[in-house]
Amino acid sequence: MTGGQLINLEDLDFIFENEKVKVIANRNYPEIKLTGLSIGPFKESAEYEVAYWIAKELERMGIVKFREEEKLDLIKLHKIHWKEKAQTSRTMAQLPGNFYPKLRRFLEELKTKAIKDPEKMRDYEKAVSIAKDIVNCRLRKIVLLASTAAKTNQLLEKLTEEERILYHQISEIINDWRAKILNLKGE
């Protein structure tokens, strides 16, 4: 949230695309000049911080690779899933930063690989299944949290920005409905 205002999912994705990520240069490469922006030069094996969208282009060109902790993979997704399933119905695991934008990009990457290599389809289907289970599990908890009168800040802090948007929307709908059903206008 910025300035107390709720932002939408598209805004969050734009913010993610412009956040700095760590990359490692695969090779030496001269400075790249764009309008109002210069990137590099790059020295092989050196680490750099650049905006995510720039890192993706540099990776596509073979100039850099993402540091392992910057990317989501099937093993990390399994661990996140396990942690979430181990929680009670009223507790949530802390998701890694930018989990949902990274998840979307990971699934897109796997889908692209599966189209090119049918043997990769199993990985894609497994990742989609795990991702759906994580989302559904957290969704149930968010709905439960939004429908209860007592909100705990500790639980709210474990929500991602995307989940906070959903939580506030659901909470508002439930509170309005409850007030109408009980005829409690203005209370």
Protein backbone atom coordinates (compact mmCIF):
# COMPACT_ATOMS: atom_id res chain seq x y z
CA MET A 1 0.00 0.00 0.00
CA THR A 2 1.18 3.49 -0.75
CA GLY A 3 0.06 6.48 1.29
CA GLY A 4 -2.76 4.51 2.90
CA GLN A 5 -4.45 3.96 -0.45
CA LEU A 6 -5.17 0.56 -1.88
CA ILE A 7 -3.54 -0.05 -5.19
CA ASN A 8 -4.62 -2.60 -7.75
CA LEU A 9 -2.94 -5.75 -9.00
CA GLU A 10 -1.78 -4.12 -12.23
CA ASP A 11 -0.03 -1.39 -10.21
CA LEU A 12 1.69 -4.05 -8.10
CA ASP A 13 2.90 -5.81 -11.23
CA PHE A 14 4.26 -2.54 -12.63
CA ILE A 15 6.03 -1.87 -9.33
CA PHE A 16 7.55 -5.37 -9.42
CA GLU A 17 8.78 -4.91 -12.99
CA ASN A 18 10.66 -1.79 -11.85
CA GLU A 19 12.12 -3.15 -8.60
CA LYS A 20 15.84 -3.82 -8.42
CA VAL A 21 17.03 -7.41 -8.64
CA LYS A 22 20.49 -8.92 -8.39
CA VAL A 23 22.06 -10.44 -11.47
CA ILE A 24 25.45 -11.90 -12.32
CA ALA A 25 27.15 -11.08 -15.61
CA ASN A 26 27.75 -14.10 -17.85
CA ARG A 27 30.32 -12.22 -19.91
CA ASN A 28 31.97 -8.88 -20.40
CA TYR A 29 29.69 -6.47 -22.21
CA PRO A 30 29.99 -2.75 -22.96
CA GLU A 31 27.69 -0.07 -21.61
CA ILE A 32 24.21 -0.01 -23.12
CA LYS A 33 22.73 3.45 -23.62
CA LEU A 34 19.00 3.96 -23.80
CA THR A 35 17.11 7.23 -23.79
CA GLY A 36 17.74 8.67 -20.34
CA LEU A 37 19.28 5.45 -19.06
CA SER A 38 22.62 3.69 -19.31
CA ILE A 39 23.27 0.14 -18.15
CA GLY A 40 26.64 -1.46 -17.60
CA PRO A 41 29.34 -1.98 -18.60
CA PHE A 42 29.31 -5.56 -17.37
CA LYS A 43 32.27 -7.58 -16.20
CA GLU A 44 32.01 -11.36 -16.30
CA SER A 45 31.03 -12.93 -12.92
CA ALA A 46 30.40 -9.54 -11.29
CA GLU A 47 27.10 -8.89 -9.53
CA TYR A 48 24.81 -5.99 -10.48
CA GLU A 49 21.47 -4.56 -9.41
CA VAL A 50 19.09 -3.55 -12.18
CA ALA A 51 15.34 -3.20 -12.59
CA TYR A 52 13.59 -6.54 -13.14
CA TRP A 53 12.45 -5.66 -16.68
CA ILE A 54 16.01 -4.77 -17.64
CA ALA A 55 17.33 -7.97 -16.07
CA LYS A 56 14.86 -10.03 -18.13
CA GLU A 57 16.07 -8.39 -21.36
CA LEU A 58 19.73 -8.81 -20.39
CA GLU A 59 19.06 -12.46 -19.54
CA ARG A 60 17.32 -12.96 -22.88
CA MET A 61 20.42 -11.52 -24.58
CA GLY A 62 22.67 -13.89 -22.60
CA ILE A 63 24.49 -11.05 -20.83
CA VAL A 64 23.37 -11.85 -17.27
CA LYS A 65 21.64 -14.50 -15.19
CA PHE A 66 19.45 -13.97 -12.15
CA ARG A 67 20.89 -14.85 -8.76
CA GLU A 68 19.27 -18.05 -7.51
CA GLU A 69 17.44 -16.35 -4.64
CA GLU A 70 15.77 -13.97 -7.11
CA LYS A 71 13.96 -16.73 -9.01
CA LEU A 72 11.24 -19.16 -8.10
CA ASP A 73 11.67 -22.83 -9.01
CA LEU A 74 9.81 -26.07 -8.42
CA ILE A 75 11.83 -26.93 -5.28
CA LYS A 76 11.12 -23.52 -3.71
CA LEU A 77 7.46 -23.82 -4.68
CA HIS A 78 7.27 -27.23 -2.95
CA LYS A 79 8.79 -25.74 0.23
CA ILE A 80 6.34 -22.82 0.21
CA HIS A 81 3.46 -25.27 -0.30
CA TRP A 82 4.65 -27.48 2.55
CA LYS A 83 4.98 -24.50 4.94
CA GLU A 84 1.50 -23.25 4.06
CA LYS A 85 -0.11 -26.68 4.46
CA ALA A 86 1.60 -27.09 7.86
CA GLN A 87 -0.24 -24.02 9.20
CA THR A 88 -3.55 -24.20 11.02
CA SER A 89 -6.71 -22.85 9.42
CA ARG A 90 -6.18 -19.59 11.31
CA THR A 91 -2.48 -19.07 10.61
CA MET A 92 -0.51 -18.34 7.48
CA ALA A 93 3.08 -18.85 6.45
CA GLN A 94 5.09 -15.81 5.44
CA LEU A 95 5.47 -15.87 1.66
CA PRO A 96 8.73 -14.73 0.06
CA GLY A 97 8.81 -11.15 -1.21
CA ASN A 98 7.06 -10.60 -4.54
CA PHE A 99 5.76 -14.15 -4.43
CA TYR A 100 2.80 -13.71 -6.78
CA PRO A 101 4.64 -11.76 -9.53
CA LYS A 102 7.46 -14.32 -9.37
CA LEU A 103 4.93 -17.16 -9.43
CA ARG A 104 3.19 -15.80 -12.54
CA ARG A 105 6.49 -15.41 -14.34
CA PHE A 106 7.70 -18.85 -13.26
CA LEU A 107 4.51 -20.48 -14.57
CA GLU A 108 4.79 -18.54 -17.85
CA GLU A 109 8.39 -19.68 -18.22
CA LEU A 110 7.47 -23.32 -17.55
CA LYS A 111 4.58 -23.13 -20.00
CA THR A 112 6.88 -21.76 -22.71
CA LYS A 113 9.39 -24.56 -22.05
CA ALA A 114 6.57 -27.15 -22.12
CA ILE A 115 5.40 -25.91 -25.51
CA LYS A 116 8.93 -26.29 -26.90
CA ASP A 117 9.65 -29.57 -25.09
CA PRO A 118 6.63 -31.78 -24.26
CA GLU A 119 8.68 -33.61 -21.60
CA LYS A 120 8.59 -30.38 -19.55
CA MET A 121 4.76 -30.46 -19.49
CA ARG A 122 4.79 -32.57 -16.31
CA ASP A 123 6.80 -29.89 -14.47
CA TYR A 124 4.39 -27.22 -15.68
CA GLU A 125 1.30 -29.20 -14.64
CA LYS A 126 2.84 -30.00 -11.24
CA ALA A 127 3.74 -26.33 -10.65
CA VAL A 128 0.23 -25.20 -11.63
CA SER A 129 -1.31 -27.77 -9.27
CA ILE A 130 0.90 -26.69 -6.36
CA ALA A 131 0.32 -23.00 -7.11
CA LYS A 132 -3.46 -23.50 -7.16
CA ASP A 133 -3.30 -25.35 -3.86
CA ILE A 134 -1.28 -22.55 -2.23
CA VAL A 135 -3.65 -19.89 -3.58
CA ASN A 136 -6.79 -21.82 -2.54
CA CYS A 137 -5.41 -22.53 0.92
CA ARG A 138 -4.53 -18.87 1.49
CA LEU A 139 -7.82 -17.73 -0.04
CA ARG A 140 -9.82 -19.78 2.48
CA LYS A 141 -7.81 -18.21 5.31
CA ILE A 142 -8.28 -14.69 3.92
CA VAL A 143 -12.06 -15.18 3.69
CA LEU A 144 -12.12 -16.52 7.26
CA LEU A 145 -10.00 -13.59 8.46
CA ALA A 146 -12.18 -11.05 6.62
CA SER A 147 -15.37 -12.51 8.10
CA THR A 148 -14.25 -12.50 11.74
CA ALA A 149 -14.71 -9.47 13.92
CA ALA A 150 -11.39 -9.86 15.73
CA LYS A 151 -8.50 -9.09 13.39
CA THR A 152 -4.98 -9.81 14.49
CA ASN A 153 -2.25 -7.55 13.11
CA GLN A 154 0.16 -10.47 13.31
CA LEU A 155 -1.90 -12.38 10.75
CA LEU A 156 -2.53 -9.32 8.58
CA GLU A 157 1.23 -8.71 8.40
CA LYS A 158 1.68 -12.11 6.74
CA LEU A 159 -0.55 -11.13 3.83
CA THR A 160 1.10 -10.08 0.59
CA GLU A 161 0.04 -6.80 -1.01
CA GLU A 162 -2.16 -8.75 -3.45
CA GLU A 163 -3.80 -10.57 -0.56
CA ARG A 164 -4.35 -7.32 1.36
CA ILE A 165 -6.25 -5.92 -1.61
CA LEU A 166 -8.48 -9.01 -1.62
CA TYR A 167 -8.83 -8.99 2.18
CA HIS A 168 -10.03 -5.36 2.22
CA GLN A 169 -12.48 -5.96 -0.63
CA ILE A 170 -13.95 -9.08 1.00
CA SER A 171 -14.03 -7.48 4.43
CA GLU A 172 -15.94 -4.48 3.06
CA ILE A 173 -18.47 -6.71 1.28
CA ILE A 174 -19.01 -8.83 4.41
CA ASN A 175 -19.36 -5.81 6.70
CA ASP A 176 -21.87 -4.16 4.33
CA TRP A 177 -23.84 -7.38 4.02
CA ARG A 178 -23.83 -7.93 7.79
CA ALA A 179 -25.05 -4.36 8.41
CA LYS A 180 -27.87 -4.73 5.86
CA ILE A 181 -28.97 -8.12 7.18
CA LEU A 182 -29.05 -6.84 10.76
CA ASN A 183 -30.44 -3.44 9.69
CA LEU A 184 -27.51 -1.66 11.38
CA LYS A 185 -27.09 1.37 9.15
CA GLY A 186 -24.35 3.66 10.36
CA GLU A 187 -23.27 1.42 13.26
